[in-house]
PDB file of all heavy atoms in Angstrom:
ATOM      1  N   ALA A   1      29.829 -42.354  -3.949  1.00  0.00           N
ATOM      2  CA  ALA A   1      29.696 -42.846  -2.562  1.00  0.00           C
ATOM      3  C   ALA A   1      28.242 -43.020  -2.151  1.00  0.00           C
ATOM      4  O   ALA A   1      27.336 -42.418  -2.749  1.00  0.00           O
ATOM      5  CB  ALA A   1      30.379 -41.902  -1.622  1.00  0.00           C
ATOM      6  N   TRP A   2      28.048 -43.886  -1.184  1.00  0.00           N
ATOM      7  CA  TRP A   2      26.768 -44.060  -0.465  1.00  0.00           C
ATOM      8  C   TRP A   2      26.851 -43.436   0.886  1.00  0.00           C
ATOM      9  O   TRP A   2      27.821 -43.648   1.592  1.00  0.00           O
ATOM     10  CB  TRP A   2      26.386 -45.510  -0.399  1.00  0.00           C
ATOM     11  CG  TRP A   2      25.923 -46.158  -1.652  1.00  0.00           C
ATOM     12  CD1 TRP A   2      26.654 -46.942  -2.474  1.00  0.00           C
ATOM     13  CD2 TRP A   2      24.632 -46.055  -2.220  1.00  0.00           C
ATOM     14  NE1 TRP A   2      25.901 -47.350  -3.544  1.00  0.00           N
ATOM     15  CE2 TRP A   2      24.627 -46.848  -3.423  1.00  0.00           C
ATOM     16  CE3 TRP A   2      23.431 -45.466  -1.854  1.00  0.00           C
ATOM     17  CZ2 TRP A   2      23.526 -46.999  -4.227  1.00  0.00           C
ATOM     18  CZ3 TRP A   2      22.315 -45.604  -2.664  1.00  0.00           C
ATOM     19  CH2 TRP A   2      22.369 -46.365  -3.838  1.00  0.00           C
ATOM     20  N   PHE A   3      25.832 -42.675   1.264  1.00  0.00           N
ATOM     21  CA  PHE A   3      25.667 -42.140   2.587  1.00  0.00           C
ATOM     22  C   PHE A   3      24.293 -42.600   3.155  1.00  0.00           C
ATOM     23  O   PHE A   3      23.425 -43.006   2.382  1.00  0.00           O
ATOM     24  CB  PHE A   3      25.689 -40.609   2.558  1.00  0.00           C
ATOM     25  CG  PHE A   3      26.988 -40.034   2.175  1.00  0.00           C
ATOM     26  CD1 PHE A   3      27.348 -39.828   0.864  1.00  0.00           C
ATOM     27  CD2 PHE A   3      27.889 -39.600   3.183  1.00  0.00           C
ATOM     28  CE1 PHE A   3      28.603 -39.295   0.534  1.00  0.00           C
ATOM     29  CE2 PHE A   3      29.135 -39.041   2.824  1.00  0.00           C
ATOM     30  CZ  PHE A   3      29.474 -38.867   1.509  1.00  0.00           C
ATOM     31  N   ARG A   4      24.182 -42.483   4.471  1.00  0.00           N
ATOM     32  CA  ARG A   4      22.879 -42.716   5.116  1.00  0.00           C
ATOM     33  C   ARG A   4      22.644 -41.741   6.204  1.00  0.00           C
ATOM     34  O   ARG A   4      23.610 -41.236   6.809  1.00  0.00           O
ATOM     35  CB  ARG A   4      22.752 -44.170   5.584  1.00  0.00           C
ATOM     36  CG  ARG A   4      23.620 -44.503   6.812  1.00  0.00           C
ATOM     37  CD  ARG A   4      23.371 -45.858   7.263  1.00  0.00           C
ATOM     38  NE  ARG A   4      24.095 -46.189   8.493  1.00  0.00           N
ATOM     39  CZ  ARG A   4      24.036 -47.389   9.117  1.00  0.00           C
ATOM     40  NH1 ARG A   4      23.330 -48.390   8.611  1.00  0.00           N
ATOM     41  NH2 ARG A   4      24.748 -47.581  10.219  1.00  0.00           N
ATOM     42  N   GLN A   5      21.366 -41.503   6.500  1.00  0.00           N
ATOM     43  CA  GLN A   5      20.991 -40.635   7.619  1.00  0.00           C
ATOM     44  C   GLN A   5      19.771 -41.132   8.294  1.00  0.00           C
ATOM     45  O   GLN A   5      18.723 -41.212   7.674  1.00  0.00           O
ATOM     46  CB  GLN A   5      20.796 -39.143   7.134  1.00  0.00           C
ATOM     47  CG  GLN A   5      20.582 -38.165   8.264  1.00  0.00           C
ATOM     48  CD  GLN A   5      20.696 -36.758   7.777  1.00  0.00           C
ATOM     49  OE1 GLN A   5      20.555 -36.429   6.626  1.00  0.00           O
ATOM     50  NE2 GLN A   5      20.958 -35.874   8.761  1.00  0.00           N
ATOM     51  N   ALA A   6      19.885 -41.461   9.582  1.00  0.00           N
ATOM     52  CA  ALA A   6      18.779 -41.899  10.335  1.00  0.00           C
ATOM     53  C   ALA A   6      18.122 -40.720  11.080  1.00  0.00           C
ATOM     54  O   ALA A   6      18.788 -39.678  11.266  1.00  0.00           O
ATOM     55  CB  ALA A   6      19.225 -42.948  11.373  1.00  0.00           C
ATOM     56  N   PRO A   7      16.848 -40.810  11.459  1.00  0.00           N
ATOM     57  CA  PRO A   7      16.226 -39.726  12.139  1.00  0.00           C
ATOM     58  C   PRO A   7      16.974 -39.281  13.424  1.00  0.00           C
ATOM     59  O   PRO A   7      17.368 -40.110  14.233  1.00  0.00           O
ATOM     60  CB  PRO A   7      14.870 -40.333  12.556  1.00  0.00           C
ATOM     61  CG  PRO A   7      14.578 -41.346  11.501  1.00  0.00           C
ATOM     62  CD  PRO A   7      15.935 -41.937  11.247  1.00  0.00           C
ATOM     63  N   GLY A   8      17.234 -37.982  13.520  1.00  0.00           N
ATOM     64  CA  GLY A   8      17.925 -37.461  14.639  1.00  0.00           C
ATOM     65  C   GLY A   8      19.428 -37.649  14.720  1.00  0.00           C
ATOM     66  O   GLY A   8      20.071 -37.310  15.679  1.00  0.00           O
ATOM     67  N   LYS A   9      20.006 -38.204  13.624  1.00  0.00           N
ATOM     68  CA  LYS A   9      21.433 -38.453  13.568  1.00  0.00           C
ATOM     69  C   LYS A   9      22.076 -37.741  12.405  1.00  0.00           C
ATOM     70  O   LYS A   9      21.440 -37.329  11.466  1.00  0.00           O
ATOM     71  CB  LYS A   9      21.693 -39.919  13.495  1.00  0.00           C
ATOM     72  CG  LYS A   9      21.213 -40.761  14.670  1.00  0.00           C
ATOM     73  CD  LYS A   9      21.642 -42.205  14.531  1.00  0.00           C
ATOM     74  CE  LYS A   9      21.245 -43.015  15.794  1.00  0.00           C
ATOM     75  NZ  LYS A   9      21.641 -44.400  15.670  1.00  0.00           N
ATOM     76  N   GLU A  10      23.379 -37.605  12.438  1.00  0.00           N
ATOM     77  CA  GLU A  10      24.117 -37.001  11.391  1.00  0.00           C
ATOM     78  C   GLU A  10      24.234 -37.950  10.196  1.00  0.00           C
ATOM     79  O   GLU A  10      24.199 -39.164  10.374  1.00  0.00           O
ATOM     80  CB  GLU A  10      25.568 -36.639  11.860  1.00  0.00           C
ATOM     81  CG  GLU A  10      25.590 -35.583  13.015  1.00  0.00           C
ATOM     82  CD  GLU A  10      25.348 -34.253  12.530  1.00  0.00           C
ATOM     83  OE1 GLU A  10      25.518 -33.933  11.318  1.00  0.00           O
ATOM     84  OE2 GLU A  10      24.949 -33.405  13.330  1.00  0.00           O
ATOM     85  N   ARG A  11      24.382 -37.347   9.002  1.00  0.00           N
ATOM     86  CA  ARG A  11      24.622 -38.162   7.853  1.00  0.00           C
ATOM     87  C   ARG A  11      26.026 -38.838   7.981  1.00  0.00           C
ATOM     88  O   ARG A  11      26.974 -38.169   8.400  1.00  0.00           O
ATOM     89  CB  ARG A  11      24.550 -37.289   6.592  1.00  0.00           C
ATOM     90  CG  ARG A  11      24.852 -38.068   5.303  1.00  0.00           C
ATOM     91  CD  ARG A  11      24.812 -37.150   4.062  1.00  0.00           C
ATOM     92  NE  ARG A  11      23.485 -36.762   3.708  1.00  0.00           N
ATOM     93  CZ  ARG A  11      23.053 -35.533   3.716  1.00  0.00           C
ATOM     94  NH1 ARG A  11      23.896 -34.505   4.035  1.00  0.00           N
ATOM     95  NH2 ARG A  11      21.794 -35.248   3.362  1.00  0.00           N
ATOM     96  N   GLU A  12      26.119 -40.113   7.588  1.00  0.00           N
ATOM     97  CA  GLU A  12      27.399 -40.818   7.721  1.00  0.00           C
ATOM     98  C   GLU A  12      27.742 -41.520   6.432  1.00  0.00           C
ATOM     99  O   GLU A  12      26.818 -41.976   5.723  1.00  0.00           O
ATOM    100  CB  GLU A  12      27.376 -41.779   8.884  1.00  0.00           C
ATOM    101  CG  GLU A  12      26.372 -42.901   8.752  1.00  0.00           C
ATOM    102  CD  GLU A  12      26.426 -43.836   9.929  1.00  0.00           C
ATOM    103  OE1 GLU A  12      27.403 -43.893  10.644  1.00  0.00           O
ATOM    104  OE2 GLU A  12      25.408 -44.599  10.088  1.00  0.00           O
ATOM    105  N   GLY A  13      29.004 -41.598   6.108  1.00  0.00           N
ATOM    106  CA  GLY A  13      29.486 -42.301   4.940  1.00  0.00           C
ATOM    107  C   GLY A  13      29.373 -43.809   5.141  1.00  0.00           C
ATOM    108  O   GLY A  13      29.712 -44.322   6.213  1.00  0.00           O
ATOM    109  N   VAL A  14      28.928 -44.506   4.103  1.00  0.00           N
ATOM    110  CA  VAL A  14      28.808 -45.942   4.128  1.00  0.00           C
ATOM    111  C   VAL A  14      29.851 -46.651   3.351  1.00  0.00           C
ATOM    112  O   VAL A  14      30.598 -47.510   3.858  1.00  0.00           O
ATOM    113  CB  VAL A  14      27.383 -46.399   3.604  1.00  0.00           C
ATOM    114  CG1 VAL A  14      27.320 -47.927   3.538  1.00  0.00           C
ATOM    115  CG2 VAL A  14      26.304 -45.798   4.458  1.00  0.00           C
ATOM    116  N   SER A  15      30.050 -46.299   2.052  1.00  0.00           N
ATOM    117  CA  SER A  15      31.038 -46.883   1.203  1.00  0.00           C
ATOM    118  C   SER A  15      31.351 -45.940   0.080  1.00  0.00           C
ATOM    119  O   SER A  15      30.598 -44.980  -0.207  1.00  0.00           O
ATOM    120  CB  SER A  15      30.608 -48.256   0.736  1.00  0.00           C
ATOM    121  OG  SER A  15      29.439 -48.153  -0.029  1.00  0.00           O
ATOM    122  N   CYS A  16      32.454 -46.221  -0.654  1.00  0.00           N
ATOM    123  CA  CYS A  16      32.966 -45.261  -1.620  1.00  0.00           C
ATOM    124  C   CYS A  16      33.728 -45.999  -2.696  1.00  0.00           C
ATOM    125  O   CYS A  16      34.450 -46.983  -2.439  1.00  0.00           O
ATOM    126  CB  CYS A  16      33.812 -44.198  -0.950  1.00  0.00           C
ATOM    127  SG  CYS A  16      34.536 -42.969  -1.995  1.00  0.00           S
ATOM    128  N   ILE A  17      33.621 -45.524  -3.945  1.00  0.00           N
ATOM    129  CA  ILE A  17      34.447 -45.972  -5.049  1.00  0.00           C
ATOM    130  C   ILE A  17      35.166 -44.737  -5.600  1.00  0.00           C
ATOM    131  O   ILE A  17      34.583 -43.732  -5.928  1.00  0.00           O
ATOM    132  CB  ILE A  17      33.626 -46.641  -6.159  1.00  0.00           C
ATOM    133  CG1 ILE A  17      33.021 -47.938  -5.702  1.00  0.00           C
ATOM    134  CG2 ILE A  17      34.493 -46.918  -7.394  1.00  0.00           C
ATOM    135  CD1 ILE A  17      32.117 -48.621  -6.664  1.00  0.00           C
ATOM    136  N   ARG A  18      36.491 -44.864  -5.692  1.00  0.00           N
ATOM    137  CA  ARG A  18      37.354 -43.779  -6.218  1.00  0.00           C
ATOM    138  C   ARG A  18      38.096 -44.305  -7.461  1.00  0.00           C
ATOM    139  O   ARG A  18      38.703 -45.365  -7.411  1.00  0.00           O
ATOM    140  CB  ARG A  18      38.331 -43.350  -5.138  1.00  0.00           C
ATOM    141  CG  ARG A  18      37.721 -42.797  -3.903  1.00  0.00           C
ATOM    142  CD  ARG A  18      38.725 -42.468  -2.789  1.00  0.00           C
ATOM    143  NE  ARG A  18      39.313 -43.723  -2.283  1.00  0.00           N
ATOM    144  CZ  ARG A  18      40.612 -43.949  -2.228  1.00  0.00           C
ATOM    145  NH1 ARG A  18      41.469 -43.011  -2.620  1.00  0.00           N
ATOM    146  NH2 ARG A  18      41.073 -45.096  -1.734  1.00  0.00           N
ATOM    147  N   ARG A  19      37.977 -43.512  -8.502  1.00  0.00           N
ATOM    148  CA  ARG A  19      38.561 -43.968  -9.804  1.00  0.00           C
ATOM    149  C   ARG A  19      39.327 -42.886 -10.504  1.00  0.00           C
ATOM    150  O   ARG A  19      38.847 -41.748 -10.585  1.00  0.00           O
ATOM    151  CB  ARG A  19      37.395 -44.451 -10.725  1.00  0.00           C
ATOM    152  CG  ARG A  19      37.900 -44.846 -12.125  1.00  0.00           C
ATOM    153  CD  ARG A  19      36.826 -45.392 -12.985  1.00  0.00           C
ATOM    154  NE  ARG A  19      37.275 -45.589 -14.379  1.00  0.00           N
ATOM    155  CZ  ARG A  19      37.948 -46.678 -14.791  1.00  0.00           C
ATOM    156  NH1 ARG A  19      38.276 -47.624 -13.913  1.00  0.00           N
ATOM    157  NH2 ARG A  19      38.335 -46.760 -16.022  1.00  0.00           N
ATOM    158  N   SER A  20      40.540 -43.222 -10.986  1.00  0.00           N
ATOM    159  CA  SER A  20      41.290 -42.293 -11.823  1.00  0.00           C
ATOM    160  C   SER A  20      42.384 -43.096 -12.530  1.00  0.00           C
ATOM    161  O   SER A  20      42.874 -44.103 -11.984  1.00  0.00           O
ATOM    162  CB  SER A  20      41.955 -41.147 -11.025  1.00  0.00           C
ATOM    163  OG  SER A  20      42.880 -41.650 -10.077  1.00  0.00           O
ATOM    164  N   GLY A  21      42.764 -42.662 -13.716  1.00  0.00           N
ATOM    165  CA  GLY A  21      43.842 -43.305 -14.482  1.00  0.00           C
ATOM    166  C   GLY A  21      43.627 -44.795 -14.685  1.00  0.00           C
ATOM    167  O   GLY A  21      44.579 -45.575 -14.718  1.00  0.00           O
ATOM    168  N   GLY A  22      42.359 -45.220 -14.803  1.00  0.00           N
ATOM    169  CA  GLY A  22      42.045 -46.637 -15.008  1.00  0.00           C
ATOM    170  C   GLY A  22      42.134 -47.446 -13.761  1.00  0.00           C
ATOM    171  O   GLY A  22      41.917 -48.718 -13.806  1.00  0.00           O
ATOM    172  N   HIS A  23      42.405 -46.878 -12.599  1.00  0.00           N
ATOM    173  CA  HIS A  23      42.501 -47.597 -11.330  1.00  0.00           C
ATOM    174  C   HIS A  23      41.284 -47.279 -10.490  1.00  0.00           C
ATOM    175  O   HIS A  23      40.901 -46.141 -10.345  1.00  0.00           O
ATOM    176  CB  HIS A  23      43.774 -47.244 -10.621  1.00  0.00           C
ATOM    177  CG  HIS A  23      43.948 -47.902  -9.297  1.00  0.00           C
ATOM    178  ND1 HIS A  23      44.141 -49.222  -9.169  1.00  0.00           N
ATOM    179  CD2 HIS A  23      43.895 -47.395  -8.033  1.00  0.00           C
ATOM    180  CE1 HIS A  23      44.251 -49.580  -7.882  1.00  0.00           C
ATOM    181  NE2 HIS A  23      44.085 -48.458  -7.165  1.00  0.00           N
ATOM    182  N   THR A  24      40.719 -48.313  -9.916  1.00  0.00           N
ATOM    183  CA  THR A  24      39.537 -48.194  -9.070  1.00  0.00           C
ATOM    184  C   THR A  24      39.785 -48.727  -7.663  1.00  0.00           C
ATOM    185  O   THR A  24      40.332 -49.804  -7.489  1.00  0.00           O
ATOM    186  CB  THR A  24      38.331 -48.942  -9.669  1.00  0.00           C
ATOM    187  OG1 THR A  24      38.078 -48.514 -11.004  1.00  0.00           O
ATOM    188  CG2 THR A  24      37.065 -48.744  -8.870  1.00  0.00           C
ATOM    189  N   SER A  25      39.410 -47.928  -6.650  1.00  0.00           N
ATOM    190  CA  SER A  25      39.550 -48.323  -5.266  1.00  0.00           C
ATOM    191  C   SER A  25      38.192 -48.347  -4.553  1.00  0.00           C
ATOM    192  O   SER A  25      37.326 -47.517  -4.879  1.00  0.00           O
ATOM    193  CB  SER A  25      40.517 -47.370  -4.507  1.00  0.00           C
ATOM    194  OG  SER A  25      41.796 -47.368  -5.086  1.00  0.00           O
ATOM    195  N   TYR A  26      38.061 -49.252  -3.626  1.00  0.00           N
ATOM    196  CA  TYR A  26      36.804 -49.422  -2.860  1.00  0.00           C
ATOM    197  C   TYR A  26      37.096 -49.183  -1.353  1.00  0.00           C
ATOM    198  O   TYR A  26      38.123 -49.685  -0.851  1.00  0.00           O
ATOM    199  CB  TYR A  26      36.227 -50.777  -3.058  1.00  0.00           C
ATOM    200  CG  TYR A  26      35.773 -51.092  -4.475  1.00  0.00           C
ATOM    201  CD1 TYR A  26      36.682 -51.448  -5.460  1.00  0.00           C
ATOM    202  CD2 TYR A  26      34.430 -51.072  -4.836  1.00  0.00           C
ATOM    203  CE1 TYR A  26      36.318 -51.707  -6.757  1.00  0.00           C
ATOM    204  CE2 TYR A  26      34.009 -51.335  -6.100  1.00  0.00           C
ATOM    205  CZ  TYR A  26      34.938 -51.666  -7.081  1.00  0.00           C
ATOM    206  OH  TYR A  26      34.556 -51.941  -8.365  1.00  0.00           O
ATOM    207  N   SER A  27      36.162 -48.515  -0.699  1.00  0.00           N
ATOM    208  CA  SER A  27      36.316 -48.268   0.718  1.00  0.00           C
ATOM    209  C   SER A  27      35.039 -48.649   1.396  1.00  0.00           C
ATOM    210  O   SER A  27      33.947 -48.350   0.962  1.00  0.00           O
ATOM    211  CB  SER A  27      36.664 -46.818   1.005  1.00  0.00           C
ATOM    212  OG  SER A  27      37.901 -46.447   0.394  1.00  0.00           O
ATOM    213  N   ASP A  28      35.139 -49.240   2.579  1.00  0.00           N
ATOM    214  CA  ASP A  28      34.011 -49.621   3.399  1.00  0.00           C
ATOM    215  C   ASP A  28      34.221 -48.996   4.802  1.00  0.00           C
ATOM    216  O   ASP A  28      35.232 -49.273   5.444  1.00  0.00           O
ATOM    217  CB  ASP A  28      33.967 -51.155   3.544  1.00  0.00           C
ATOM    218  CG  ASP A  28      32.902 -51.634   4.486  1.00  0.00           C
ATOM    219  OD1 ASP A  28      32.044 -50.838   4.903  1.00  0.00           O
ATOM    220  OD2 ASP A  28      32.935 -52.839   4.813  1.00  0.00           O
ATOM    221  N   PHE A  29      33.275 -48.157   5.227  1.00  0.00           N
ATOM    222  CA  PHE A  29      33.426 -47.402   6.458  1.00  0.00           C
ATOM    223  C   PHE A  29      32.626 -47.934   7.602  1.00  0.00           C
ATOM    224  O   PHE A  29      32.648 -47.406   8.707  1.00  0.00           O
ATOM    225  CB  PHE A  29      33.067 -45.948   6.192  1.00  0.00           C
ATOM    226  CG  PHE A  29      33.930 -45.264   5.137  1.00  0.00           C
ATOM    227  CD1 PHE A  29      33.328 -44.871   3.925  1.00  0.00           C
ATOM    228  CD2 PHE A  29      35.272 -45.075   5.341  1.00  0.00           C
ATOM    229  CE1 PHE A  29      34.139 -44.268   2.963  1.00  0.00           C
ATOM    230  CE2 PHE A  29      36.062 -44.469   4.374  1.00  0.00           C
ATOM    231  CZ  PHE A  29      35.507 -44.065   3.174  1.00  0.00           C
ATOM    232  N   LEU A  30      31.835 -49.002   7.423  1.00  0.00           N
ATOM    233  CA  LEU A  30      30.893 -49.477   8.444  1.00  0.00           C
ATOM    234  C   LEU A  30      31.101 -50.977   8.704  1.00  0.00           C
ATOM    235  O   LEU A  30      30.175 -51.784   8.577  1.00  0.00           O
ATOM    236  CB  LEU A  30      29.478 -49.165   8.086  1.00  0.00           C
ATOM    237  CG  LEU A  30      29.126 -47.684   8.089  1.00  0.00           C
ATOM    238  CD1 LEU A  30      27.680 -47.490   7.697  1.00  0.00           C
ATOM    239  CD2 LEU A  30      29.381 -47.023   9.463  1.00  0.00           C
ATOM    240  N   LYS A  31      32.335 -51.376   9.042  1.00  0.00           N
ATOM    241  CA  LYS A  31      32.637 -52.714   9.637  1.00  0.00           C
ATOM    242  C   LYS A  31      32.276 -53.890   8.738  1.00  0.00           C
ATOM    243  O   LYS A  31      31.873 -54.909   9.254  1.00  0.00           O
ATOM    244  CB  LYS A  31      31.998 -52.812  10.987  1.00  0.00           C
ATOM    245  CG  LYS A  31      32.394 -51.716  11.961  1.00  0.00           C
ATOM    246  CD  LYS A  31      31.678 -51.873  13.297  1.00  0.00           C
ATOM    247  CE  LYS A  31      32.014 -50.753  14.262  1.00  0.00           C
ATOM    248  NZ  LYS A  31      31.292 -50.900  15.514  1.00  0.00           N
ATOM    249  N   GLY A  32      32.369 -53.712   7.431  1.00  0.00           N
ATOM    250  CA  GLY A  32      32.177 -54.829   6.566  1.00  0.00           C
ATOM    251  C   GLY A  32      30.752 -55.275   6.376  1.00  0.00           C
ATOM    252  O   GLY A  32      30.508 -56.382   5.829  1.00  0.00           O
ATOM    253  N   ARG A  33      29.766 -54.538   6.770  1.00  0.00           N
ATOM    254  CA  ARG A  33      28.382 -54.902   6.676  1.00  0.00           C
ATOM    255  C   ARG A  33      27.711 -54.479   5.393  1.00  0.00           C
ATOM    256  O   ARG A  33      26.526 -54.792   5.223  1.00  0.00           O
ATOM    257  CB  ARG A  33      27.566 -54.314   7.878  1.00  0.00           C
ATOM    258  CG  ARG A  33      28.083 -54.785   9.258  1.00  0.00           C
ATOM    259  CD  ARG A  33      27.235 -54.336  10.376  1.00  0.00           C
ATOM    260  NE  ARG A  33      25.906 -54.871  10.289  1.00  0.00           N
ATOM    261  CZ  ARG A  33      24.839 -54.156   9.934  1.00  0.00           C
ATOM    262  NH1 ARG A  33      24.935 -52.857   9.639  1.00  0.00           N
ATOM    263  NH2 ARG A  33      23.630 -54.743   9.868  1.00  0.00           N
ATOM    264  N   PHE A  34      28.455 -53.817   4.539  1.00  0.00           N
ATOM    265  CA  PHE A  34      27.961 -53.394   3.236  1.00  0.00           C
ATOM    266  C   PHE A  34      28.975 -53.767   2.144  1.00  0.00           C
ATOM    267  O   PHE A  34      30.177 -53.786   2.396  1.00  0.00           O
ATOM    268  CB  PHE A  34      27.769 -51.865   3.193  1.00  0.00           C
ATOM    269  CG  PHE A  34      26.792 -51.327   4.213  1.00  0.00           C
ATOM    270  CD1 PHE A  34      27.201 -51.081   5.523  1.00  0.00           C
ATOM    271  CD2 PHE A  34      25.470 -51.085   3.874  1.00  0.00           C
ATOM    272  CE1 PHE A  34      26.319 -50.617   6.500  1.00  0.00           C
ATOM    273  CE2 PHE A  34      24.621 -50.595   4.823  1.00  0.00           C
ATOM    274  CZ  PHE A  34      25.034 -50.350   6.097  1.00  0.00           C
ATOM    275  N   THR A  35      28.459 -54.058   0.964  1.00  0.00           N
ATOM    276  CA  THR A  35      29.297 -54.339  -0.203  1.00  0.00           C
ATOM    277  C   THR A  35      28.888 -53.437  -1.353  1.00  0.00           C
ATOM    278  O   THR A  35      27.799 -53.569  -1.855  1.00  0.00           O
ATOM    279  CB  THR A  35      29.207 -55.793  -0.611  1.00  0.00           C
ATOM    280  OG1 THR A  35      29.574 -56.661   0.478  1.00  0.00           O
ATOM    281  CG2 THR A  35      30.150 -56.075  -1.782  1.00  0.00           C
ATOM    282  N   MET A  36      29.786 -52.563  -1.742  1.00  0.00           N
ATOM    283  CA  MET A  36      29.531 -51.676  -2.865  1.00  0.00           C
ATOM    284  C   MET A  36      30.193 -52.274  -4.127  1.00  0.00           C
ATOM    285  O   MET A  36      31.336 -52.736  -4.060  1.00  0.00           O
ATOM    286  CB  MET A  36      30.090 -50.313  -2.601  1.00  0.00           C
ATOM    287  CG  MET A  36      29.727 -49.230  -3.627  1.00  0.00           C
ATOM    288  SD  MET A  36      30.256 -47.566  -3.193  1.00  0.00           S
ATOM    289  CE  MET A  36      29.597 -46.634  -4.562  1.00  0.00           C
ATOM    290  N   SER A  37      29.489 -52.207  -5.238  1.00  0.00           N
ATOM    291  CA  SER A  37      30.010 -52.746  -6.489  1.00  0.00           C
ATOM    292  C   SER A  37      29.607 -51.786  -7.649  1.00  0.00           C
ATOM    293  O   SER A  37      28.755 -50.897  -7.492  1.00  0.00           O
ATOM    294  CB  SER A  37      29.481 -54.128  -6.762  1.00  0.00           C
ATOM    295  OG  SER A  37      28.092 -54.138  -6.836  1.00  0.00           O
ATOM    296  N   ARG A  38      30.253 -52.007  -8.796  1.00  0.00           N
ATOM    297  CA  ARG A  38      30.015 -51.140  -9.948  1.00  0.00           C
ATOM    298  C   ARG A  38      29.923 -51.966 -11.202  1.00  0.00           C
ATOM    299  O   ARG A  38      30.664 -52.937 -11.418  1.00  0.00           O
ATOM    300  CB  ARG A  38      31.192 -50.141 -10.074  1.00  0.00           C
ATOM    301  CG  ARG A  38      31.207 -49.280 -11.322  1.00  0.00           C
ATOM    302  CD  ARG A  38      32.326 -48.267 -11.225  1.00  0.00           C
ATOM    303  NE  ARG A  38      32.383 -47.428 -12.429  1.00  0.00           N
ATOM    304  CZ  ARG A  38      33.374 -47.521 -13.368  1.00  0.00           C
ATOM    305  NH1 ARG A  38      34.388 -48.391 -13.190  1.00  0.00           N
ATOM    306  NH2 ARG A  38      33.361 -46.752 -14.423  1.00  0.00           N
ATOM    307  N   ASP A  39      28.953 -51.621 -12.056  1.00  0.00           N
ATOM    308  CA  ASP A  39      28.784 -52.193 -13.375  1.00  0.00           C
ATOM    309  C   ASP A  39      29.195 -51.162 -14.390  1.00  0.00           C
ATOM    310  O   ASP A  39      28.448 -50.167 -14.611  1.00  0.00           O
ATOM    311  CB  ASP A  39      27.332 -52.637 -13.595  1.00  0.00           C
ATOM    312  CG  ASP A  39      27.147 -53.384 -14.883  1.00  0.00           C
ATOM    313  OD1 ASP A  39      27.745 -53.038 -15.909  1.00  0.00           O
ATOM    314  OD2 ASP A  39      26.331 -54.361 -14.877  1.00  0.00           O
ATOM    315  N   THR A  40      30.375 -51.302 -14.991  1.00  0.00           N
ATOM    316  CA  THR A  40      30.954 -50.278 -15.833  1.00  0.00           C
ATOM    317  C   THR A  40      30.057 -50.058 -17.082  1.00  0.00           C
ATOM    318  O   THR A  40      29.826 -48.931 -17.496  1.00  0.00           O
ATOM    319  CB  THR A  40      32.331 -50.661 -16.254  1.00  0.00           C
ATOM    320  OG1 THR A  40      33.157 -50.834 -15.116  1.00  0.00           O
ATOM    321  CG2 THR A  40      32.954 -49.586 -17.149  1.00  0.00           C
ATOM    322  N   ALA A  41      29.622 -51.168 -17.695  1.00  0.00           N
ATOM    323  CA  ALA A  41      28.833 -51.053 -18.935  1.00  0.00           C
ATOM    324  C   ALA A  41      27.494 -50.342 -18.710  1.00  0.00           C
ATOM    325  O   ALA A  41      27.079 -49.538 -19.570  1.00  0.00           O
ATOM    326  CB  ALA A  41      28.588 -52.444 -19.498  1.00  0.00           C
ATOM    327  N   LYS A  42      26.851 -50.580 -17.568  1.00  0.00           N
ATOM    328  CA  LYS A  42      25.570 -49.979 -17.292  1.00  0.00           C
ATOM    329  C   LYS A  42      25.702 -48.638 -16.594  1.00  0.00           C
ATOM    330  O   LYS A  42      24.663 -47.977 -16.441  1.00  0.00           O
ATOM    331  CB  LYS A  42      24.737 -50.957 -16.447  1.00  0.00           C
ATOM    332  CG  LYS A  42      24.324 -52.241 -17.158  1.00  0.00           C
ATOM    333  CD  LYS A  42      23.462 -53.087 -16.231  1.00  0.00           C
ATOM    334  CE  LYS A  42      23.013 -54.349 -16.915  1.00  0.00           C
ATOM    335  NZ  LYS A  42      22.148 -55.150 -16.033  1.00  0.00           N
ATOM    336  N   LYS A  43      26.893 -48.260 -16.185  1.00  0.00           N
ATOM    337  CA  LYS A  43      27.113 -47.075 -15.400  1.00  0.00           C
ATOM    338  C   LYS A  43      26.175 -47.078 -14.178  1.00  0.00           C
ATOM    339  O   LYS A  43      25.362 -46.126 -13.957  1.00  0.00           O
ATOM    340  CB  LYS A  43      26.964 -45.828 -16.269  1.00  0.00           C
ATOM    341  CG  LYS A  43      27.876 -45.752 -17.434  1.00  0.00           C
ATOM    342  CD  LYS A  43      27.877 -44.430 -18.180  1.00  0.00           C
ATOM    343  CE  LYS A  43      28.499 -43.316 -17.414  1.00  0.00           C
ATOM    344  NZ  LYS A  43      28.569 -42.059 -18.186  1.00  0.00           N
TER     345      LYS A  43
END
């Protein structure tokens, strides 16, 4: 996952990748303003 923390604010989750059993799920927690991706070969 990616998190961010601005001065004087709590750390907040930005996006997340969850993987098990060959299945991968993506989550976006900040209104579609971020795109998380994964390169399997490069890890």
